[in-house]
């Protein structure tokens, strides 16, 4: 074993890599400057159909449809599992996921992100008010309904981005 380590090191030292080449600019061309500025990223835009008002429905190409009701104020119960400690106002909405596709779909692959004013709105889980994560398998031709709730800043705009599964376009709901 002692002879193996020096032999491996000697073999590695014997390997040679080609010498780096140097490009010398001619009088008519300037040497290229290394770029340290990252390319500007353009935020993806959603088609006009991807923006809906609360209470309106959005359908994907395969017939799966989501409707999120207009927000209503509500008071968290004593069974609240997660509550935004910053907000003084809370809203609740009904989500209806209709399966117009030919396959059974899990309702728990519905992802939400919301904004209240200029900050992220925190989602509330409140078992006492029936605000929990859905766990249904929605068969073709059937629907699942559940409640979602958020802490918001009173008087500020509320915007909700909803995504169902990772391979589908998202939808933005506004007031």
Protein backbone atom coordinates (compact mmCIF):
# COMPACT_ATOMS: atom_id res chain seq x y z
CA UNK A 1 0.00 0.00 0.00
CA UNK A 2 2.91 2.35 0.74
CA UNK A 3 4.27 1.94 -2.78
CA UNK A 4 0.87 2.53 -4.36
CA UNK A 5 0.46 6.14 -3.14
CA UNK A 6 3.83 7.42 -4.47
CA UNK A 7 3.23 5.57 -7.74
CA UNK A 8 -0.18 7.22 -8.19
CA UNK A 9 1.24 10.65 -7.36
CA UNK A 10 4.11 10.12 -9.81
CA UNK A 11 1.67 9.03 -12.51
CA UNK A 12 -0.49 12.10 -11.95
CA UNK A 13 2.52 14.40 -12.06
CA UNK A 14 3.56 12.89 -15.38
CA UNK A 15 0.24 13.83 -16.99
CA UNK A 16 0.57 17.01 -18.94
CA UNK A 17 -2.11 19.30 -20.12
CA UNK A 18 -1.75 21.36 -23.25
CA UNK A 19 -0.17 24.74 -22.59
CA UNK A 20 -2.63 27.62 -22.53
CA UNK A 21 -2.68 29.68 -25.66
CA UNK A 22 -2.43 33.42 -25.58
CA UNK A 23 -4.33 35.54 -28.05
CA UNK A 24 -2.50 38.67 -29.01
CA UNK A 25 -4.74 41.33 -30.50
CA UNK A 26 -3.74 42.90 -33.76
CA UNK A 27 -3.64 46.64 -34.24
CA UNK A 28 -7.19 46.61 -35.63
CA UNK A 29 -8.87 44.56 -32.93
CA UNK A 30 -9.09 45.19 -29.23
CA UNK A 31 -8.61 42.44 -26.69
CA UNK A 32 -11.98 41.14 -25.47
CA UNK A 33 -12.84 42.30 -21.98
CA UNK A 34 -14.12 39.74 -19.54
CA UNK A 35 -17.78 40.21 -18.78
CA UNK A 36 -18.70 40.47 -15.12
CA UNK A 37 -22.22 41.71 -15.71
CA UNK A 38 -24.86 38.99 -15.73
CA UNK A 39 -27.42 39.14 -18.52
CA UNK A 40 -30.57 40.97 -17.59
CA UNK A 41 -33.34 38.58 -16.64
CA UNK A 42 -36.77 39.34 -17.96
CA UNK A 43 -39.63 38.30 -15.72
CA UNK A 44 -41.97 35.88 -17.46
CA UNK A 45 -45.28 37.37 -18.39
CA UNK A 46 -48.56 35.55 -18.20
CA UNK A 47 -51.00 35.79 -21.08
CA UNK A 48 -53.99 38.11 -20.52
CA UNK A 49 -56.19 35.07 -19.83
CA UNK A 50 -54.00 34.24 -16.84
CA UNK A 51 -55.27 37.21 -14.83
CA UNK A 52 -58.69 36.86 -13.21
CA UNK A 53 -60.77 38.67 -10.64
CA UNK A 54 -61.73 36.83 -7.47
CA UNK A 55 -64.93 34.93 -8.17
CA UNK A 56 -64.01 34.22 -11.81
CA UNK A 57 -62.92 30.80 -13.10
CA UNK A 58 -59.77 29.84 -14.95
CA UNK A 59 -59.48 26.67 -17.05
CA UNK A 60 -56.41 24.88 -18.31
CA UNK A 61 -56.36 23.20 -21.73
CA UNK A 62 -57.25 19.78 -20.32
CA UNK A 63 -60.48 21.00 -18.72
CA UNK A 64 -59.25 21.43 -15.13
CA UNK A 65 -60.85 24.60 -13.74
CA UNK A 66 -60.19 26.62 -10.58
CA UNK A 67 -62.39 29.29 -9.03
CA UNK A 68 -61.39 31.33 -5.98
CA UNK A 69 -64.23 33.27 -4.35
CA UNK A 70 -64.09 36.92 -3.41
CA UNK A 71 -62.28 37.42 -0.09
CA UNK A 72 -64.41 37.74 3.05
CA UNK A 73 -63.15 38.92 6.44
CA UNK A 74 -63.00 36.34 9.18
CA UNK A 75 -61.73 35.97 12.72
CA UNK A 76 -59.28 33.12 13.43
CA UNK A 77 -60.53 30.57 15.96
CA UNK A 78 -58.72 29.15 19.00
CA UNK A 79 -57.76 26.15 16.83
CA UNK A 80 -55.59 28.25 14.53
CA UNK A 81 -52.43 26.28 13.72
CA UNK A 82 -50.56 28.98 11.87
CA UNK A 83 -51.35 32.65 12.06
CA UNK A 84 -49.66 35.75 10.70
CA UNK A 85 -48.61 37.69 13.82
CA UNK A 86 -48.20 40.97 11.92
CA UNK A 87 -51.69 41.25 10.44
CA UNK A 88 -54.75 42.52 12.27
CA UNK A 89 -57.14 41.67 9.43
CA UNK A 90 -57.79 38.19 8.06
CA UNK A 91 -59.62 37.05 4.95
CA UNK A 92 -60.99 33.69 3.87
CA UNK A 93 -61.88 32.40 0.37
CA UNK A 94 -63.38 29.24 -1.08
CA UNK A 95 -61.41 27.30 -3.69
CA UNK A 96 -63.26 25.05 -6.14
CA UNK A 97 -61.15 22.70 -8.27
CA UNK A 98 -63.19 21.02 -11.02
CA UNK A 99 -61.65 18.09 -12.80
CA UNK A 100 -62.67 18.23 -16.46
CA UNK A 101 -59.73 16.03 -17.47
CA UNK A 102 -59.68 12.27 -18.04
CA UNK A 103 -57.39 11.50 -15.08
CA UNK A 104 -57.86 11.56 -11.30
CA UNK A 105 -56.07 14.57 -9.81
CA UNK A 106 -54.69 15.19 -6.30
CA UNK A 107 -56.04 18.41 -4.79
CA UNK A 108 -53.00 18.80 -2.54
CA UNK A 109 -50.85 19.93 -5.48
CA UNK A 110 -52.40 23.39 -5.42
CA UNK A 111 -49.79 26.00 -4.43
CA UNK A 112 -50.52 29.58 -3.36
CA UNK A 113 -48.51 32.74 -2.87
CA UNK A 114 -50.11 36.08 -1.99
CA UNK A 115 -49.23 39.72 -1.54
CA UNK A 116 -50.88 42.33 0.64
CA UNK A 117 -49.74 45.85 -0.17
CA UNK A 118 -45.97 45.61 -0.63
CA UNK A 119 -45.33 42.49 1.48
CA UNK A 120 -46.01 38.81 1.24
CA UNK A 121 -49.31 37.77 2.80
CA UNK A 122 -48.99 34.84 5.18
CA UNK A 123 -51.36 31.91 4.75
CA UNK A 124 -53.36 30.88 7.82
CA UNK A 125 -54.28 27.31 8.76
CA UNK A 126 -57.28 27.20 11.07
CA UNK A 127 -58.88 23.81 11.67
CA UNK A 128 -61.67 25.36 13.77
CA UNK A 129 -62.80 27.47 10.79
CA UNK A 130 -62.33 24.63 8.28
CA UNK A 131 -59.24 26.25 6.75
CA UNK A 132 -56.93 23.30 6.08
CA UNK A 133 -54.91 21.77 3.26
CA UNK A 134 -56.94 19.71 0.79
CA UNK A 135 -56.21 16.00 0.60
CA UNK A 136 -58.80 14.77 -1.90
CA UNK A 137 -58.27 12.82 -5.09
CA UNK A 138 -60.59 14.53 -7.56
CA UNK A 139 -62.03 12.04 -10.03
CA UNK A 140 -62.86 13.08 -13.62
CA UNK A 141 -66.09 15.06 -13.71
CA UNK A 142 -65.95 15.79 -9.94
CA UNK A 143 -64.81 18.76 -7.88
CA UNK A 144 -63.12 19.51 -4.57
CA UNK A 145 -63.87 22.55 -2.41
CA UNK A 146 -61.82 23.91 0.48
CA UNK A 147 -61.07 27.18 2.27
CA UNK A 148 -57.91 29.27 2.24
CA UNK A 149 -57.15 32.22 4.55
CA UNK A 150 -54.50 34.94 4.75
CA UNK A 151 -53.43 37.74 7.05
CA UNK A 152 -53.63 41.05 5.18
CA UNK A 153 -52.99 44.76 5.61
CA UNK A 154 -56.37 46.49 5.86
CA UNK A 155 -57.07 48.78 2.90
CA UNK A 156 -54.17 47.40 0.84
CA UNK A 157 -54.51 45.48 -2.44
CA UNK A 158 -54.53 41.69 -2.16
CA UNK A 159 -53.12 39.60 -5.03
CA UNK A 160 -53.09 35.80 -5.08
CA UNK A 161 -50.92 33.65 -7.38
CA UNK A 162 -52.18 30.09 -7.73
CA UNK A 163 -50.40 27.14 -9.33
CA UNK A 164 -51.77 23.68 -9.79
CA UNK A 165 -49.04 21.09 -10.28
CA UNK A 166 -45.64 22.17 -11.56
CA UNK A 167 -46.28 21.65 -15.26
CA UNK A 168 -49.19 24.09 -15.55
CA UNK A 169 -49.28 27.81 -16.09
CA UNK A 170 -50.02 29.85 -12.97
CA UNK A 171 -52.98 32.16 -12.52
CA UNK A 172 -53.13 35.52 -10.75
CA UNK A 173 -56.34 36.55 -8.95
CA UNK A 174 -56.93 40.19 -8.03
CA UNK A 175 -59.69 42.24 -6.41
